[in-house]
Amino acid sequence: MKKNIVVILFGILLVISFFSIKVSTNIYVGDYSYSPMVIDVQLKIDDKLIFKDSLRSSSFFPTIICKKLRYGVHKIDVLSKKADINQKSKILLFPNQLDFLEPIY
């Protein structure tokens, strides 16, 4: 009986520690349209401003942001006044995973 309780408590502690670790995450931001217009972009993750700059159209050279994030669910907001974009979505960050937001055109 005591052995089962110890195993269960150890498992719960392992799961809690897994989701509290921050890992370095690469975030690629780019304008992949063929429009010559320069757009302003704001990227927020969990209501924290990560990126606020203007983007030019380029299929080959995205802006790479390295940010430490925890595993789990994160809320992402992409805002642009010139391109009239207000996209909100949630992603699940997990080890060895690629997650793409739907492209904005």
C-alpha atoms as a PDB file:
ATOM      1  CA  MET A   1       0.000   0.000   0.000  1.00  0.00           C
ATOM      2  CA  LYS A   2       2.746   2.472   0.937  1.00  0.00           C
ATOM      3  CA  LYS A   3       4.724   1.520  -2.164  1.00  0.00           C
ATOM      4  CA  ASN A   4       1.770   2.403  -4.432  1.00  0.00           C
ATOM      5  CA  ILE A   5       1.367   5.805  -2.773  1.00  0.00           C
ATOM      6  CA  VAL A   6       5.085   6.543  -3.198  1.00  0.00           C
ATOM      7  CA  VAL A   7       4.960   5.564  -6.887  1.00  0.00           C
ATOM      8  CA  ILE A   8       1.868   7.729  -7.492  1.00  0.00           C
ATOM      9  CA  LEU A   9       3.402  10.733  -5.692  1.00  0.00           C
ATOM     10  CA  PHE A  10       6.644  10.305  -7.630  1.00  0.00           C
ATOM     11  CA  GLY A  11       4.687  10.199 -10.920  1.00  0.00           C
ATOM     12  CA  ILE A  12       2.750  13.355 -10.042  1.00  0.00           C
ATOM     13  CA  LEU A  13       5.968  15.132  -9.066  1.00  0.00           C
ATOM     14  CA  LEU A  14       7.584  14.067 -12.352  1.00  0.00           C
ATOM     15  CA  VAL A  15       4.668  15.430 -14.418  1.00  0.00           C
ATOM     16  CA  ILE A  16       4.663  18.743 -12.518  1.00  0.00           C
ATOM     17  CA  SER A  17       8.409  19.168 -12.966  1.00  0.00           C
ATOM     18  CA  PHE A  18       8.106  18.354 -16.715  1.00  0.00           C
ATOM     19  CA  PHE A  19       5.635  21.191 -17.299  1.00  0.00           C
ATOM     20  CA  SER A  20       7.599  23.708 -15.213  1.00  0.00           C
ATOM     21  CA  ILE A  21      10.828  23.476 -17.244  1.00  0.00           C
ATOM     22  CA  LYS A  22      11.485  26.356 -19.649  1.00  0.00           C
ATOM     23  CA  VAL A  23      13.011  25.381 -22.976  1.00  0.00           C
ATOM     24  CA  SER A  24      14.562  27.525 -25.677  1.00  0.00           C
ATOM     25  CA  THR A  25      12.050  27.849 -28.521  1.00  0.00           C
ATOM     26  CA  ASN A  26      12.699  29.314 -31.979  1.00  0.00           C
ATOM     27  CA  ILE A  27       9.868  31.454 -33.358  1.00  0.00           C
ATOM     28  CA  TYR A  28       9.968  32.301 -37.075  1.00  0.00           C
ATOM     29  CA  VAL A  29       8.219  35.533 -38.090  1.00  0.00           C
ATOM     30  CA  GLY A  30       7.991  36.518 -41.736  1.00  0.00           C
ATOM     31  CA  ASP A  31       5.811  37.936 -44.496  1.00  0.00           C
ATOM     32  CA  TYR A  32       5.554  35.223 -47.154  1.00  0.00           C
ATOM     33  CA  SER A  33       3.205  37.090 -49.468  1.00  0.00           C
ATOM     34  CA  TYR A  34       4.393  38.644 -52.705  1.00  0.00           C
ATOM     35  CA  SER A  35       3.058  42.079 -51.803  1.00  0.00           C
ATOM     36  CA  PRO A  36       5.567  44.950 -51.919  1.00  0.00           C
ATOM     37  CA  MET A  37       3.800  46.560 -48.951  1.00  0.00           C
ATOM     38  CA  VAL A  38       5.697  46.792 -45.655  1.00  0.00           C
ATOM     39  CA  ILE A  39       3.429  45.733 -42.798  1.00  0.00           C
ATOM     40  CA  ASP A  40       3.621  46.372 -39.077  1.00  0.00           C
ATOM     41  CA  VAL A  41       3.394  43.289 -36.872  1.00  0.00           C
ATOM     42  CA  GLN A  42       2.928  42.727 -33.167  1.00  0.00           C
ATOM     43  CA  LEU A  43       3.390  39.221 -31.768  1.00  0.00           C
ATOM     44  CA  LYS A  44       2.218  38.478 -28.242  1.00  0.00           C
ATOM     45  CA  ILE A  45       2.628  35.174 -26.456  1.00  0.00           C
ATOM     46  CA  ASP A  46       0.619  34.789 -23.250  1.00  0.00           C
ATOM     47  CA  ASP A  47      -0.128  38.556 -23.351  1.00  0.00           C
ATOM     48  CA  LYS A  48       3.588  39.451 -23.347  1.00  0.00           C
ATOM     49  CA  LEU A  49       4.871  41.482 -26.299  1.00  0.00           C
ATOM     50  CA  ILE A  50       7.543  39.383 -28.062  1.00  0.00           C
ATOM     51  CA  PHE A  51       7.945  41.178 -31.394  1.00  0.00           C
ATOM     52  CA  LYS A  52       6.912  44.633 -32.620  1.00  0.00           C
ATOM     53  CA  ASP A  53       8.424  45.676 -35.932  1.00  0.00           C
ATOM     54  CA  SER A  54       7.682  46.032 -39.629  1.00  0.00           C
ATOM     55  CA  LEU A  55       8.132  43.175 -42.090  1.00  0.00           C
ATOM     56  CA  ARG A  56       8.973  43.110 -45.791  1.00  0.00           C
ATOM     57  CA  SER A  57       7.929  40.331 -48.110  1.00  0.00           C
ATOM     58  CA  SER A  58      10.615  37.637 -48.168  1.00  0.00           C
ATOM     59  CA  SER A  59      10.181  33.924 -48.676  1.00  0.00           C
ATOM     60  CA  PHE A  60      13.702  33.036 -47.626  1.00  0.00           C
ATOM     61  CA  PHE A  61      14.706  35.262 -44.701  1.00  0.00           C
ATOM     62  CA  PRO A  62      12.303  35.168 -41.745  1.00  0.00           C
ATOM     63  CA  THR A  63      13.056  36.894 -38.471  1.00  0.00           C
ATOM     64  CA  ILE A  64      14.045  34.297 -35.869  1.00  0.00           C
ATOM     65  CA  ILE A  65      13.219  34.993 -32.231  1.00  0.00           C
ATOM     66  CA  CYS A  66      14.659  32.716 -29.544  1.00  0.00           C
ATOM     67  CA  LYS A  67      12.437  32.682 -26.444  1.00  0.00           C
ATOM     68  CA  LYS A  68      12.311  30.439 -23.386  1.00  0.00           C
ATOM     69  CA  LEU A  69       8.829  28.936 -23.001  1.00  0.00           C
ATOM     70  CA  ARG A  70       7.361  26.242 -20.787  1.00  0.00           C
ATOM     71  CA  TYR A  71       5.802  23.088 -22.197  1.00  0.00           C
ATOM     72  CA  GLY A  72       2.025  23.313 -22.334  1.00  0.00           C
ATOM     73  CA  VAL A  73      -0.677  25.537 -23.825  1.00  0.00           C
ATOM     74  CA  HIS A  74       0.186  29.088 -24.911  1.00  0.00           C
ATOM     75  CA  LYS A  75      -2.009  31.862 -26.308  1.00  0.00           C
ATOM     76  CA  ILE A  76      -0.625  33.621 -29.412  1.00  0.00           C
ATOM     77  CA  ASP A  77      -1.893  36.965 -30.748  1.00  0.00           C
ATOM     78  CA  VAL A  78      -0.789  38.401 -34.103  1.00  0.00           C
ATOM     79  CA  LEU A  79      -1.811  42.002 -34.756  1.00  0.00           C
ATOM     80  CA  SER A  80      -1.271  44.301 -37.739  1.00  0.00           C
ATOM     81  CA  LYS A  81      -3.004  47.598 -38.467  1.00  0.00           C
ATOM     82  CA  LYS A  82      -1.825  47.974 -42.086  1.00  0.00           C
ATOM     83  CA  ALA A  83      -2.763  44.433 -43.077  1.00  0.00           C
ATOM     84  CA  ASP A  84      -5.938  44.498 -40.926  1.00  0.00           C
ATOM     85  CA  ILE A  85      -5.023  41.323 -39.022  1.00  0.00           C
ATOM     86  CA  ASN A  86      -6.126  40.318 -35.557  1.00  0.00           C
ATOM     87  CA  GLN A  87      -5.505  36.584 -35.256  1.00  0.00           C
ATOM     88  CA  LYS A  88      -5.653  34.733 -31.955  1.00  0.00           C
ATOM     89  CA  SER A  89      -4.902  31.074 -31.448  1.00  0.00           C
ATOM     90  CA  LYS A  90      -3.688  28.584 -28.880  1.00  0.00           C
ATOM     91  CA  ILE A  91      -0.888  26.090 -29.344  1.00  0.00           C
ATOM     92  CA  LEU A  92       0.408  23.143 -27.356  1.00  0.00           C
ATOM     93  CA  LEU A  93       4.179  23.247 -26.958  1.00  0.00           C
ATOM     94  CA  PHE A  94       5.607  19.773 -26.478  1.00  0.00           C
ATOM     95  CA  PRO A  95       9.090  18.254 -26.992  1.00  0.00           C
ATOM     96  CA  ASN A  96      10.240  17.652 -30.596  1.00  0.00           C
ATOM     97  CA  GLN A  97       7.156  19.266 -32.078  1.00  0.00           C
ATOM     98  CA  LEU A  98       6.662  21.686 -34.945  1.00  0.00           C
ATOM     99  CA  ASP A  99       3.476  23.698 -34.741  1.00  0.00           C
ATOM    100  CA  PHE A 100       2.487  26.137 -37.455  1.00  0.00           C
ATOM    101  CA  LEU A 101      -0.082  28.868 -37.313  1.00  0.00           C
ATOM    102  CA  GLU A 102      -2.171  29.072 -40.406  1.00  0.00           C
ATOM    103  CA  PRO A 103      -0.611  31.453 -42.933  1.00  0.00           C
ATOM    104  CA  ILE A 104      -1.979  34.981 -43.055  1.00  0.00           C
ATOM    105  CA  TYR A 105      -2.323  36.414 -46.564  1.00  0.00           C
END
